[in-house]
Amino acid sequence: MTKTIERVQTGVRLEKRLLKVLKGLAEHLDLSLSDLLEGISLHSFENKPPFSAETLKKIGQLKQVYDLDLGASDSHKLQESEHDQ
């Protein structure tokens, strides 16, 4: 059953390399960035993994391409450079 929703425009700041990986993954999956982020969020809210093993492999490749060396353990320890503030 399709559900009707209302979307809003938002200004979200993300780490530059993380955004590149997300955009690359959205392109690979033929999704909009918004649809990808909604899917990741909804899966996380139910404690369900959002990605298959094949998709995780692609994410690993994209992380290498964009030099993303951050992991979940870094999520609450990030500090913006003075350049970004």
N, C-alpha and C. Protein backbone atom coordinates (compact mmCIF):
# COMPACT_ATOMS: atom_id res chain seq x y z
N MET A 1 0.84 -1.18 0.00
CA MET A 1 0.00 0.00 0.00
C MET A 1 0.89 1.25 0.00
N THR A 2 0.68 2.10 -0.92
CA THR A 2 1.45 3.35 -1.03
C THR A 2 0.92 4.36 -0.03
N LYS A 3 1.83 5.03 0.65
CA LYS A 3 1.46 6.06 1.62
C LYS A 3 1.81 7.43 1.06
N THR A 4 0.93 8.37 1.25
CA THR A 4 1.16 9.74 0.81
C THR A 4 1.86 10.49 1.93
N ILE A 5 2.91 11.20 1.58
CA ILE A 5 3.70 11.94 2.56
C ILE A 5 3.89 13.39 2.12
N GLU A 6 4.38 14.20 3.01
CA GLU A 6 4.74 15.59 2.69
C GLU A 6 6.22 15.75 2.97
N ARG A 7 6.98 16.16 1.98
CA ARG A 7 8.42 16.40 2.16
C ARG A 7 8.68 17.89 2.35
N VAL A 8 9.74 18.18 3.09
CA VAL A 8 10.15 19.57 3.31
C VAL A 8 11.60 19.72 2.88
N GLN A 9 11.94 20.90 2.42
CA GLN A 9 13.31 21.22 2.05
C GLN A 9 14.07 21.56 3.32
N THR A 10 15.30 21.02 3.43
CA THR A 10 16.09 21.27 4.64
C THR A 10 17.54 21.53 4.26
N GLY A 11 18.20 22.26 5.09
CA GLY A 11 19.62 22.50 4.88
C GLY A 11 20.40 21.66 5.88
N VAL A 12 20.99 20.58 5.42
CA VAL A 12 21.73 19.66 6.29
C VAL A 12 23.20 19.74 5.94
N ARG A 13 24.04 19.88 6.97
CA ARG A 13 25.48 19.90 6.75
C ARG A 13 26.02 18.51 7.00
N LEU A 14 26.80 17.99 6.05
CA LEU A 14 27.41 16.66 6.15
C LEU A 14 28.89 16.75 5.83
N GLU A 15 29.64 15.80 6.35
CA GLU A 15 31.06 15.72 6.02
C GLU A 15 31.19 15.52 4.52
N LYS A 16 32.12 16.24 3.92
CA LYS A 16 32.25 16.32 2.46
C LYS A 16 32.42 14.95 1.80
N ARG A 17 33.32 14.12 2.32
CA ARG A 17 33.56 12.81 1.69
C ARG A 17 32.39 11.87 1.90
N LEU A 18 31.74 11.99 3.06
CA LEU A 18 30.55 11.18 3.33
C LEU A 18 29.46 11.51 2.32
N LEU A 19 29.26 12.77 2.05
CA LEU A 19 28.26 13.18 1.07
C LEU A 19 28.58 12.61 -0.31
N LYS A 20 29.85 12.62 -0.69
CA LYS A 20 30.23 12.07 -1.99
C LYS A 20 29.91 10.58 -2.07
N VAL A 21 30.19 9.85 -0.99
CA VAL A 21 29.87 8.41 -0.96
C VAL A 21 28.36 8.21 -1.06
N LEU A 22 27.59 8.99 -0.29
CA LEU A 22 26.13 8.87 -0.34
C LEU A 22 25.58 9.18 -1.73
N LYS A 23 26.08 10.23 -2.36
CA LYS A 23 25.63 10.57 -3.71
C LYS A 23 26.00 9.48 -4.71
N GLY A 24 27.21 8.94 -4.58
CA GLY A 24 27.63 7.86 -5.46
C GLY A 24 26.78 6.62 -5.27
N LEU A 25 26.44 6.31 -4.02
CA LEU A 25 25.60 5.15 -3.74
C LEU A 25 24.19 5.36 -4.27
N ALA A 26 23.65 6.54 -4.07
CA ALA A 26 22.31 6.85 -4.60
C ALA A 26 22.29 6.67 -6.12
N GLU A 27 23.31 7.16 -6.78
CA GLU A 27 23.41 7.02 -8.24
C GLU A 27 23.48 5.54 -8.61
N HIS A 28 24.31 4.79 -7.91
CA HIS A 28 24.46 3.35 -8.18
C HIS A 28 23.14 2.61 -8.00
N LEU A 29 22.36 2.99 -7.00
CA LEU A 29 21.09 2.33 -6.71
C LEU A 29 19.92 2.93 -7.49
N ASP A 30 20.21 3.94 -8.31
CA ASP A 30 19.19 4.64 -9.09
C ASP A 30 18.11 5.24 -8.18
N LEU A 31 18.58 5.88 -7.11
CA LEU A 31 17.70 6.56 -6.16
C LEU A 31 18.11 8.02 -6.07
N SER A 32 17.19 8.85 -5.61
CA SER A 32 17.58 10.21 -5.26
C SER A 32 18.30 10.15 -3.92
N LEU A 33 19.11 11.15 -3.64
CA LEU A 33 19.78 11.21 -2.34
C LEU A 33 18.75 11.24 -1.21
N SER A 34 17.67 11.95 -1.41
CA SER A 34 16.60 12.02 -0.40
C SER A 34 16.01 10.64 -0.13
N ASP A 35 15.71 9.88 -1.18
CA ASP A 35 15.14 8.55 -1.00
C ASP A 35 16.13 7.64 -0.26
N LEU A 36 17.41 7.75 -0.59
CA LEU A 36 18.42 6.94 0.08
C LEU A 36 18.47 7.27 1.58
N LEU A 37 18.51 8.56 1.92
CA LEU A 37 18.58 8.96 3.32
C LEU A 37 17.31 8.58 4.09
N GLU A 38 16.16 8.71 3.45
CA GLU A 38 14.91 8.27 4.09
C GLU A 38 14.95 6.77 4.37
N GLY A 39 15.40 6.00 3.40
CA GLY A 39 15.47 4.55 3.56
C GLY A 39 16.42 4.14 4.67
N ILE A 40 17.61 4.75 4.70
CA ILE A 40 18.59 4.46 5.76
C ILE A 40 17.98 4.79 7.12
N SER A 41 17.33 5.93 7.22
CA SER A 41 16.75 6.37 8.49
C SER A 41 15.64 5.43 8.94
N LEU A 42 14.72 5.09 8.05
CA LEU A 42 13.60 4.23 8.43
C LEU A 42 14.08 2.85 8.84
N HIS A 43 15.07 2.31 8.13
CA HIS A 43 15.64 1.01 8.53
C HIS A 43 16.30 1.12 9.91
N SER A 44 17.06 2.18 10.13
CA SER A 44 17.74 2.37 11.41
C SER A 44 16.76 2.49 12.57
N PHE A 45 15.65 3.17 12.35
CA PHE A 45 14.65 3.35 13.41
C PHE A 45 14.08 2.01 13.86
N GLU A 46 14.10 1.02 12.98
CA GLU A 46 13.60 -0.32 13.33
C GLU A 46 14.75 -1.29 13.61
N ASN A 47 15.95 -0.76 13.74
CA ASN A 47 17.16 -1.55 14.00
C ASN A 47 17.35 -2.65 12.95
N LYS A 48 17.07 -2.30 11.70
CA LYS A 48 17.24 -3.23 10.59
C LYS A 48 18.38 -2.73 9.70
N PRO A 49 19.23 -3.63 9.24
CA PRO A 49 20.31 -3.19 8.35
C PRO A 49 19.72 -2.71 7.01
N PRO A 50 20.15 -1.54 6.55
CA PRO A 50 19.58 -0.99 5.32
C PRO A 50 20.21 -1.54 4.04
N PHE A 51 21.34 -2.26 4.13
CA PHE A 51 22.06 -2.64 2.93
C PHE A 51 22.34 -4.13 2.85
N SER A 52 22.31 -4.64 1.64
CA SER A 52 22.69 -6.03 1.38
C SER A 52 24.22 -6.14 1.39
N ALA A 53 24.72 -7.36 1.39
CA ALA A 53 26.17 -7.58 1.34
C ALA A 53 26.76 -6.97 0.07
N GLU A 54 26.05 -7.10 -1.04
CA GLU A 54 26.52 -6.54 -2.31
C GLU A 54 26.60 -5.02 -2.24
N THR A 55 25.61 -4.39 -1.63
CA THR A 55 25.62 -2.92 -1.51
C THR A 55 26.71 -2.47 -0.56
N LEU A 56 26.95 -3.22 0.51
CA LEU A 56 28.05 -2.89 1.43
C LEU A 56 29.39 -2.95 0.72
N LYS A 57 29.54 -3.89 -0.20
CA LYS A 57 30.77 -3.99 -0.99
C LYS A 57 30.94 -2.73 -1.84
N LYS A 58 29.86 -2.28 -2.45
CA LYS A 58 29.90 -1.06 -3.27
C LYS A 58 30.25 0.15 -2.39
N ILE A 59 29.68 0.21 -1.20
CA ILE A 59 29.99 1.30 -0.28
C ILE A 59 31.47 1.30 0.05
N GLY A 60 32.05 0.13 0.28
CA GLY A 60 33.49 0.02 0.54
C GLY A 60 34.31 0.57 -0.61
N GLN A 61 33.88 0.27 -1.83
CA GLN A 61 34.58 0.79 -3.02
C GLN A 61 34.47 2.30 -3.10
N LEU A 62 33.28 2.83 -2.85
CA LEU A 62 33.09 4.28 -2.89
C LEU A 62 33.89 4.98 -1.79
N LYS A 63 33.97 4.36 -0.62
CA LYS A 63 34.77 4.94 0.46
C LYS A 63 36.23 5.02 0.05
N GLN A 64 36.72 4.02 -0.67
CA GLN A 64 38.11 4.07 -1.15
C GLN A 64 38.29 5.17 -2.17
N VAL A 65 37.36 5.27 -3.11
CA VAL A 65 37.46 6.29 -4.16
C VAL A 65 37.50 7.69 -3.56
N TYR A 66 36.67 7.93 -2.55
CA TYR A 66 36.57 9.27 -1.96
C TYR A 66 37.37 9.42 -0.66
N ASP A 67 38.26 8.47 -0.39
CA ASP A 67 39.14 8.54 0.78
C ASP A 67 38.38 8.76 2.08
N LEU A 68 37.23 8.11 2.23
CA LEU A 68 36.45 8.23 3.46
C LEU A 68 36.95 7.20 4.46
N ASP A 69 37.61 7.69 5.49
CA ASP A 69 38.19 6.81 6.50
C ASP A 69 37.43 6.89 7.83
N LEU A 70 36.22 7.38 7.80
CA LEU A 70 35.41 7.50 9.01
C LEU A 70 34.52 6.27 9.18
N GLY A 71 34.28 5.92 10.44
CA GLY A 71 33.39 4.82 10.75
C GLY A 71 32.41 5.23 11.83
N ALA A 72 31.55 4.30 12.21
CA ALA A 72 30.52 4.59 13.22
C ALA A 72 31.13 5.09 14.52
N SER A 73 32.28 4.57 14.89
CA SER A 73 32.91 4.99 16.15
C SER A 73 33.36 6.45 16.13
N ASP A 74 33.46 7.03 14.95
CA ASP A 74 33.85 8.44 14.82
C ASP A 74 32.66 9.40 14.92
N SER A 75 31.44 8.88 14.87
CA SER A 75 30.27 9.72 14.66
C SER A 75 30.04 10.81 15.69
N HIS A 76 30.45 10.64 16.91
CA HIS A 76 30.23 11.69 17.91
C HIS A 76 31.54 12.35 18.33
N LYS A 77 32.58 12.15 17.53
CA LYS A 77 33.89 12.71 17.86
C LYS A 77 34.42 13.62 16.76
N LEU A 78 33.56 14.02 15.84
CA LEU A 78 34.01 14.83 14.70
C LEU A 78 34.04 16.30 15.09
N GLN A 79 35.04 16.98 14.58
CA GLN A 79 35.20 18.40 14.83
C GLN A 79 35.46 19.09 13.50
N GLU A 80 34.74 20.16 13.24
CA GLU A 80 34.91 20.88 11.99
C GLU A 80 36.22 21.64 12.00
N SER A 81 36.85 21.72 10.83
CA SER A 81 38.05 22.54 10.72
C SER A 81 37.66 23.99 10.83
N GLU A 82 38.59 24.83 11.19
CA GLU A 82 38.30 26.26 11.31
C GLU A 82 37.83 26.82 9.98
N HIS A 83 38.29 26.21 8.89
CA HIS A 83 37.89 26.62 7.53
C HIS A 83 36.39 26.51 7.34
N ASP A 84 35.75 25.48 7.97
CA ASP A 84 34.34 25.20 7.77
C ASP A 84 33.41 25.97 8.70
N GLN A 85 33.94 26.60 9.71
CA GLN A 85 33.07 27.23 10.72
C GLN A 85 32.64 28.60 10.33
